[in-house]
PDB file of N, CA and C in Angstrom:
ATOM      1  N   MET A   1       0.822   4.743 -20.151  1.00  0.00           N
ATOM      2  CA  MET A   1       1.124   3.773 -19.391  1.00  0.00           C
ATOM      3  C   MET A   1       1.595   4.466 -17.926  1.00  0.00           C
ATOM      4  N   GLY A   2       1.739   3.541 -16.932  1.00  0.00           N
ATOM      5  CA  GLY A   2       2.141   4.159 -15.641  1.00  0.00           C
ATOM      6  C   GLY A   2       3.416   3.802 -15.313  1.00  0.00           C
ATOM      7  N   ARG A   3       3.740   3.905 -14.069  1.00  0.00           N
ATOM      8  CA  ARG A   3       5.025   3.585 -13.490  1.00  0.00           C
ATOM      9  C   ARG A   3       5.038   2.116 -13.181  1.00  0.00           C
ATOM     10  N   ILE A   4       6.196   1.485 -13.448  1.00  0.00           N
ATOM     11  CA  ILE A   4       6.297  -0.020 -13.253  1.00  0.00           C
ATOM     12  C   ILE A   4       6.712  -0.185 -11.668  1.00  0.00           C
ATOM     13  N   LYS A   5       5.964  -0.977 -11.018  1.00  0.00           N
ATOM     14  CA  LYS A   5       6.380  -1.368  -9.584  1.00  0.00           C
ATOM     15  C   LYS A   5       7.333  -2.556  -9.516  1.00  0.00           C
ATOM     16  N   THR A   6       8.177  -2.562  -8.716  1.00  0.00           N
ATOM     17  CA  THR A   6       8.968  -3.624  -8.567  1.00  0.00           C
ATOM     18  C   THR A   6       8.514  -4.844  -7.784  1.00  0.00           C
ATOM     19  N   LYS A   7       9.064  -6.080  -7.999  1.00  0.00           N
ATOM     20  CA  LYS A   7       8.489  -7.183  -7.332  1.00  0.00           C
ATOM     21  C   LYS A   7       8.419  -7.171  -5.869  1.00  0.00           C
ATOM     22  N   LEU A   8       9.550  -6.504  -5.331  1.00  0.00           N
ATOM     23  CA  LEU A   8       9.628  -6.266  -3.879  1.00  0.00           C
ATOM     24  C   LEU A   8       8.449  -5.455  -3.421  1.00  0.00           C
ATOM     25  N   THR A   9       8.120  -4.294  -4.140  1.00  0.00           N
ATOM     26  CA  THR A   9       7.089  -3.573  -3.689  1.00  0.00           C
ATOM     27  C   THR A   9       5.649  -4.241  -3.789  1.00  0.00           C
ATOM     28  N   LYS A  10       5.512  -4.935  -4.851  1.00  0.00           N
ATOM     29  CA  LYS A  10       4.094  -5.663  -4.882  1.00  0.00           C
ATOM     30  C   LYS A  10       4.061  -6.724  -3.825  1.00  0.00           C
ATOM     31  N   ARG A  11       5.299  -7.516  -3.635  1.00  0.00           N
ATOM     32  CA  ARG A  11       5.151  -8.659  -2.709  1.00  0.00           C
ATOM     33  C   ARG A  11       4.816  -8.138  -1.280  1.00  0.00           C
ATOM     34  N   VAL A  12       5.564  -6.979  -1.027  1.00  0.00           N
ATOM     35  CA  VAL A  12       5.422  -6.510   0.474  1.00  0.00           C
ATOM     36  C   VAL A  12       3.985  -6.019   0.628  1.00  0.00           C
ATOM     37  N   SER A  13       3.483  -5.230  -0.368  1.00  0.00           N
ATOM     38  CA  SER A  13       2.193  -4.528  -0.461  1.00  0.00           C
ATOM     39  C   SER A  13       1.077  -5.475  -0.271  1.00  0.00           C
ATOM     40  N   LEU A  14       1.288  -6.606  -1.155  1.00  0.00           N
ATOM     41  CA  LEU A  14       0.088  -7.534  -1.085  1.00  0.00           C
ATOM     42  C   LEU A  14       0.065  -8.262   0.137  1.00  0.00           C
ATOM     43  N   LYS A  15       1.363  -8.501   0.798  1.00  0.00           N
ATOM     44  CA  LYS A  15       1.361  -9.339   1.983  1.00  0.00           C
ATOM     45  C   LYS A  15       0.768  -8.499   3.136  1.00  0.00           C
ATOM     46  N   LEU A  16       1.060  -7.153   3.170  1.00  0.00           N
ATOM     47  CA  LEU A  16       0.379  -6.329   4.095  1.00  0.00           C
ATOM     48  C   LEU A  16      -1.051  -6.222   3.990  1.00  0.00           C
ATOM     49  N   PHE A  17      -1.494  -6.075   2.768  1.00  0.00           N
ATOM     50  CA  PHE A  17      -2.908  -5.932   2.392  1.00  0.00           C
ATOM     51  C   PHE A  17      -3.747  -7.116   2.818  1.00  0.00           C
ATOM     52  N   LYS A  18      -3.094  -8.311   2.672  1.00  0.00           N
ATOM     53  CA  LYS A  18      -3.842  -9.614   2.966  1.00  0.00           C
ATOM     54  C   LYS A  18      -3.792  -9.916   4.392  1.00  0.00           C
ATOM     55  N   ASN A  19      -2.754  -9.640   5.195  1.00  0.00           N
ATOM     56  CA  ASN A  19      -2.585  -9.803   6.530  1.00  0.00           C
ATOM     57  C   ASN A  19      -3.372  -8.732   7.428  1.00  0.00           C
ATOM     58  N   ASN A  20      -3.328  -7.558   6.924  1.00  0.00           N
ATOM     59  CA  ASN A  20      -4.128  -6.583   7.687  1.00  0.00           C
ATOM     60  C   ASN A  20      -4.998  -5.721   6.849  1.00  0.00           C
ATOM     61  N   PRO A  21      -6.198  -6.260   6.475  1.00  0.00           N
ATOM     62  CA  PRO A  21      -7.136  -5.513   5.489  1.00  0.00           C
ATOM     63  C   PRO A  21      -7.714  -4.498   6.344  1.00  0.00           C
ATOM     64  N   GLU A  22      -7.973  -4.659   7.623  1.00  0.00           N
ATOM     65  CA  GLU A  22      -8.760  -3.661   8.278  1.00  0.00           C
ATOM     66  C   GLU A  22      -7.760  -2.283   8.549  1.00  0.00           C
ATOM     67  N   SER A  23      -6.413  -2.605   8.564  1.00  0.00           N
ATOM     68  CA  SER A  23      -5.513  -1.523   8.907  1.00  0.00           C
ATOM     69  C   SER A  23      -5.472  -0.558   7.563  1.00  0.00           C
ATOM     70  N   PHE A  24      -5.507  -1.200   6.535  1.00  0.00           N
ATOM     71  CA  PHE A  24      -5.279  -0.425   5.300  1.00  0.00           C
ATOM     72  C   PHE A  24      -6.700  -0.356   4.421  1.00  0.00           C
ATOM     73  N   SER A  25      -7.752   0.148   5.247  1.00  0.00           N
ATOM     74  CA  SER A  25      -8.977   0.221   4.743  1.00  0.00           C
ATOM     75  C   SER A  25      -9.292   1.582   4.030  1.00  0.00           C
ATOM     76  N   SER A  26      -8.197   2.412   4.198  1.00  0.00           N
ATOM     77  CA  SER A  26      -8.429   3.809   3.685  1.00  0.00           C
ATOM     78  C   SER A  26      -7.939   4.028   2.309  1.00  0.00           C
ATOM     79  N   THR A  27      -8.498   4.872   1.562  1.00  0.00           N
ATOM     80  CA  THR A  27      -8.127   5.258   0.107  1.00  0.00           C
ATOM     81  C   THR A  27      -7.244   6.639   0.382  1.00  0.00           C
ATOM     82  N   ASP A  28      -6.945   6.831   1.604  1.00  0.00           N
ATOM     83  CA  ASP A  28      -6.153   8.176   1.818  1.00  0.00           C
ATOM     84  C   ASP A  28      -4.640   7.794   1.913  1.00  0.00           C
ATOM     85  N   TYR A  29      -3.807   8.365   1.062  1.00  0.00           N
ATOM     86  CA  TYR A  29      -2.595   8.099   0.910  1.00  0.00           C
ATOM     87  C   TYR A  29      -1.734   8.385   2.324  1.00  0.00           C
ATOM     88  N   ALA A  30      -2.122   9.440   2.907  1.00  0.00           N
ATOM     89  CA  ALA A  30      -1.380   9.910   4.227  1.00  0.00           C
ATOM     90  C   ALA A  30      -1.395   8.973   5.171  1.00  0.00           C
ATOM     91  N   LYS A  31      -2.810   8.413   5.322  1.00  0.00           N
ATOM     92  CA  LYS A  31      -3.070   7.531   6.465  1.00  0.00           C
ATOM     93  C   LYS A  31      -2.237   6.271   6.197  1.00  0.00           C
ATOM     94  N   ASN A  32      -2.203   5.775   4.936  1.00  0.00           N
ATOM     95  CA  ASN A  32      -1.698   4.571   4.582  1.00  0.00           C
ATOM     96  C   ASN A  32      -0.238   4.713   4.862  1.00  0.00           C
ATOM     97  N   LYS A  33       0.266   5.878   4.413  1.00  0.00           N
ATOM     98  CA  LYS A  33       1.833   6.106   4.780  1.00  0.00           C
ATOM     99  C   LYS A  33       2.079   5.868   6.127  1.00  0.00           C
ATOM    100  N   GLY A  34       1.289   6.375   7.080  1.00  0.00           N
ATOM    101  CA  GLY A  34       1.523   6.259   8.506  1.00  0.00           C
ATOM    102  C   GLY A  34       1.609   4.796   8.989  1.00  0.00           C
ATOM    103  N   ARG A  35       0.556   3.995   8.343  1.00  0.00           N
ATOM    104  CA  ARG A  35       0.414   2.795   8.898  1.00  0.00           C
ATOM    105  C   ARG A  35       1.463   1.928   8.332  1.00  0.00           C
ATOM    106  N   VAL A  36       1.886   1.962   7.036  1.00  0.00           N
ATOM    107  CA  VAL A  36       3.185   1.381   6.641  1.00  0.00           C
ATOM    108  C   VAL A  36       4.324   1.666   7.535  1.00  0.00           C
ATOM    109  N   ASP A  37       4.531   2.827   7.811  1.00  0.00           N
ATOM    110  CA  ASP A  37       5.599   3.258   8.793  1.00  0.00           C
ATOM    111  C   ASP A  37       5.643   2.500  10.053  1.00  0.00           C
ATOM    112  N   ALA A  38       4.375   2.240  10.477  1.00  0.00           N
ATOM    113  CA  ALA A  38       4.056   1.538  11.904  1.00  0.00           C
ATOM    114  C   ALA A  38       4.254   0.126  11.722  1.00  0.00           C
ATOM    115  N   SER A  39       3.896  -0.366  10.636  1.00  0.00           N
ATOM    116  CA  SER A  39       3.789  -1.951  10.442  1.00  0.00           C
ATOM    117  C   SER A  39       5.333  -2.377  10.065  1.00  0.00           C
ATOM    118  N   LEU A  40       5.993  -1.757   9.231  1.00  0.00           N
ATOM    119  CA  LEU A  40       7.367  -2.116   8.973  1.00  0.00           C
ATOM    120  C   LEU A  40       8.376  -1.207   9.411  1.00  0.00           C
ATOM    121  N   GLU A  41       9.636  -1.849   9.373  1.00  0.00           N
ATOM    122  CA  GLU A  41      10.693  -1.067   9.801  1.00  0.00           C
ATOM    123  C   GLU A  41      11.484  -0.805   8.642  1.00  0.00           C
ATOM    124  N   LEU A  42      11.325   0.153   7.947  1.00  0.00           N
ATOM    125  CA  LEU A  42      11.931   0.497   6.570  1.00  0.00           C
ATOM    126  C   LEU A  42      12.871   1.566   6.811  1.00  0.00           C
ATOM    127  N   TYR A  43      14.074   1.450   6.149  1.00  0.00           N
ATOM    128  CA  TYR A  43      15.105   2.523   6.232  1.00  0.00           C
ATOM    129  C   TYR A  43      15.027   3.359   5.045  1.00  0.00           C
ATOM    130  N   SER A  44      14.203   3.286   4.016  1.00  0.00           N
ATOM    131  CA  SER A  44      13.960   4.183   3.034  1.00  0.00           C
ATOM    132  C   SER A  44      12.537   4.810   3.005  1.00  0.00           C
ATOM    133  N   LYS A  45      12.729   6.024   2.977  1.00  0.00           N
ATOM    134  CA  LYS A  45      11.381   6.921   2.733  1.00  0.00           C
ATOM    135  C   LYS A  45      10.693   6.583   1.443  1.00  0.00           C
ATOM    136  N   LYS A  46      11.501   6.437   0.420  1.00  0.00           N
ATOM    137  CA  LYS A  46      10.951   6.425  -0.885  1.00  0.00           C
ATOM    138  C   LYS A  46      10.235   5.064  -1.074  1.00  0.00           C
ATOM    139  N   LEU A  47      10.964   3.877  -0.493  1.00  0.00           N
ATOM    140  CA  LEU A  47      10.251   2.590  -0.452  1.00  0.00           C
ATOM    141  C   LEU A  47       8.956   2.663   0.167  1.00  0.00           C
ATOM    142  N   ARG A  48       8.994   3.259   1.443  1.00  0.00           N
ATOM    143  CA  ARG A  48       7.801   3.471   2.215  1.00  0.00           C
ATOM    144  C   ARG A  48       6.747   4.065   1.526  1.00  0.00           C
ATOM    145  N   ASN A  49       6.936   5.238   0.761  1.00  0.00           N
ATOM    146  CA  ASN A  49       6.189   5.932   0.023  1.00  0.00           C
ATOM    147  C   ASN A  49       5.449   5.206  -1.321  1.00  0.00           C
ATOM    148  N   VAL A  50       6.347   4.491  -1.807  1.00  0.00           N
ATOM    149  CA  VAL A  50       5.814   3.582  -3.032  1.00  0.00           C
ATOM    150  C   VAL A  50       4.977   2.592  -2.482  1.00  0.00           C
ATOM    151  N   ILE A  51       5.216   1.753  -1.486  1.00  0.00           N
ATOM    152  CA  ILE A  51       4.268   0.801  -0.894  1.00  0.00           C
ATOM    153  C   ILE A  51       3.010   1.437  -0.550  1.00  0.00           C
ATOM    154  N   ALA A  52       3.045   2.596   0.131  1.00  0.00           N
ATOM    155  CA  ALA A  52       1.718   3.274   0.608  1.00  0.00           C
ATOM    156  C   ALA A  52       1.026   3.615  -0.717  1.00  0.00           C
ATOM    157  N   GLY A  53       1.626   4.144  -1.556  1.00  0.00           N
ATOM    158  CA  GLY A  53       0.891   4.596  -2.807  1.00  0.00           C
ATOM    159  C   GLY A  53       0.262   3.254  -3.571  1.00  0.00           C
ATOM    160  N   TYR A  54       0.908   2.224  -3.539  1.00  0.00           N
ATOM    161  CA  TYR A  54       0.490   1.018  -4.044  1.00  0.00           C
ATOM    162  C   TYR A  54      -0.700   0.437  -3.350  1.00  0.00           C
ATOM    163  N   LEU A  55      -0.556   0.565  -2.066  1.00  0.00           N
ATOM    164  CA  LEU A  55      -1.796  -0.036  -1.084  1.00  0.00           C
ATOM    165  C   LEU A  55      -2.879   0.896  -1.493  1.00  0.00           C
ATOM    166  N   THR A  56      -2.686   2.174  -1.582  1.00  0.00           N
ATOM    167  CA  THR A  56      -3.823   3.107  -1.832  1.00  0.00           C
ATOM    168  C   THR A  56      -4.504   2.703  -3.170  1.00  0.00           C
ATOM    169  N   ARG A  57      -3.670   2.354  -4.104  1.00  0.00           N
ATOM    170  CA  ARG A  57      -4.167   2.086  -5.476  1.00  0.00           C
ATOM    171  C   ARG A  57      -4.996   0.631  -5.458  1.00  0.00           C
ATOM    172  N   LEU A  58      -4.378  -0.293  -4.682  1.00  0.00           N
ATOM    173  CA  LEU A  58      -5.281  -1.386  -4.540  1.00  0.00           C
ATOM    174  C   LEU A  58      -6.560  -1.260  -3.892  1.00  0.00           C
ATOM    175  N   LYS A  59      -6.667  -0.458  -2.914  1.00  0.00           N
ATOM    176  CA  LYS A  59      -7.862  -0.310  -2.210  1.00  0.00           C
ATOM    177  C   LYS A  59      -8.796   0.477  -2.973  1.00  0.00           C
ATOM    178  N   LYS A  60      -8.341   1.342  -3.819  1.00  0.00           N
ATOM    179  CA  LYS A  60      -9.223   1.952  -4.691  1.00  0.00           C
ATOM    180  C   LYS A  60      -9.872   1.165  -5.782  1.00  0.00           C
ATOM    181  N   ALA A  61      -8.926   0.174  -6.281  1.00  0.00           N
ATOM    182  CA  ALA A  61      -9.393  -0.719  -7.241  1.00  0.00           C
ATOM    183  C   ALA A  61     -10.368  -1.850  -6.734  1.00  0.00           C
ATOM    184  N   GLU A  62     -10.159  -2.113  -5.450  1.00  0.00           N
ATOM    185  CA  GLU A  62     -11.162  -3.044  -4.852  1.00  0.00           C
ATOM    186  C   GLU A  62     -12.448  -2.503  -4.553  1.00  0.00           C
ATOM    187  N   LYS A  63     -12.598  -1.198  -4.214  1.00  0.00           N
ATOM    188  CA  LYS A  63     -13.776  -0.502  -4.113  1.00  0.00           C
ATOM    189  C   LYS A  63     -14.516  -0.257  -5.428  1.00  0.00           C
ATOM    190  N   GLN A  64     -13.794  -0.086  -6.463  1.00  0.00           N
ATOM    191  CA  GLN A  64     -14.296  -0.059  -7.775  1.00  0.00           C
ATOM    192  C   GLN A  64     -14.935  -1.199  -8.208  1.00  0.00           C
ATOM    193  N   LYS A  65     -14.262  -2.305  -7.865  1.00  0.00           N
ATOM    194  CA  LYS A  65     -14.722  -3.632  -8.280  1.00  0.00           C
ATOM    195  C   LYS A  65     -16.148  -3.938  -7.560  1.00  0.00           C
ATOM    196  N   ASN A  66     -16.133  -3.445  -6.202  1.00  0.00           N
ATOM    197  CA  ASN A  66     -17.338  -3.912  -5.494  1.00  0.00           C
ATOM    198  C   ASN A  66     -18.564  -2.944  -6.005  1.00  0.00           C
ATOM    199  N   LEU A  67     -18.373  -1.837  -6.678  1.00  0.00           N
ATOM    200  CA  LEU A  67     -19.614  -1.003  -7.123  1.00  0.00           C
ATOM    201  C   LEU A  67     -20.152  -1.723  -8.249  1.00  0.00           C
TER     202      LEU A  67
END
């Protein structure tokens, strides 16, 4: 199995993904991390990293679906 994501992580990630699909068009974690940092005012590095990782995972799954 994998790590379980909290509702907060999923809710914020999906909201960012749907509102700014062109901003998070990369499957590169480091780029997404910078974009999350610019988009949200987060006080926790861990939360920022988890959201960026989940966005990267969503983008990879979307690309896999389209193939």
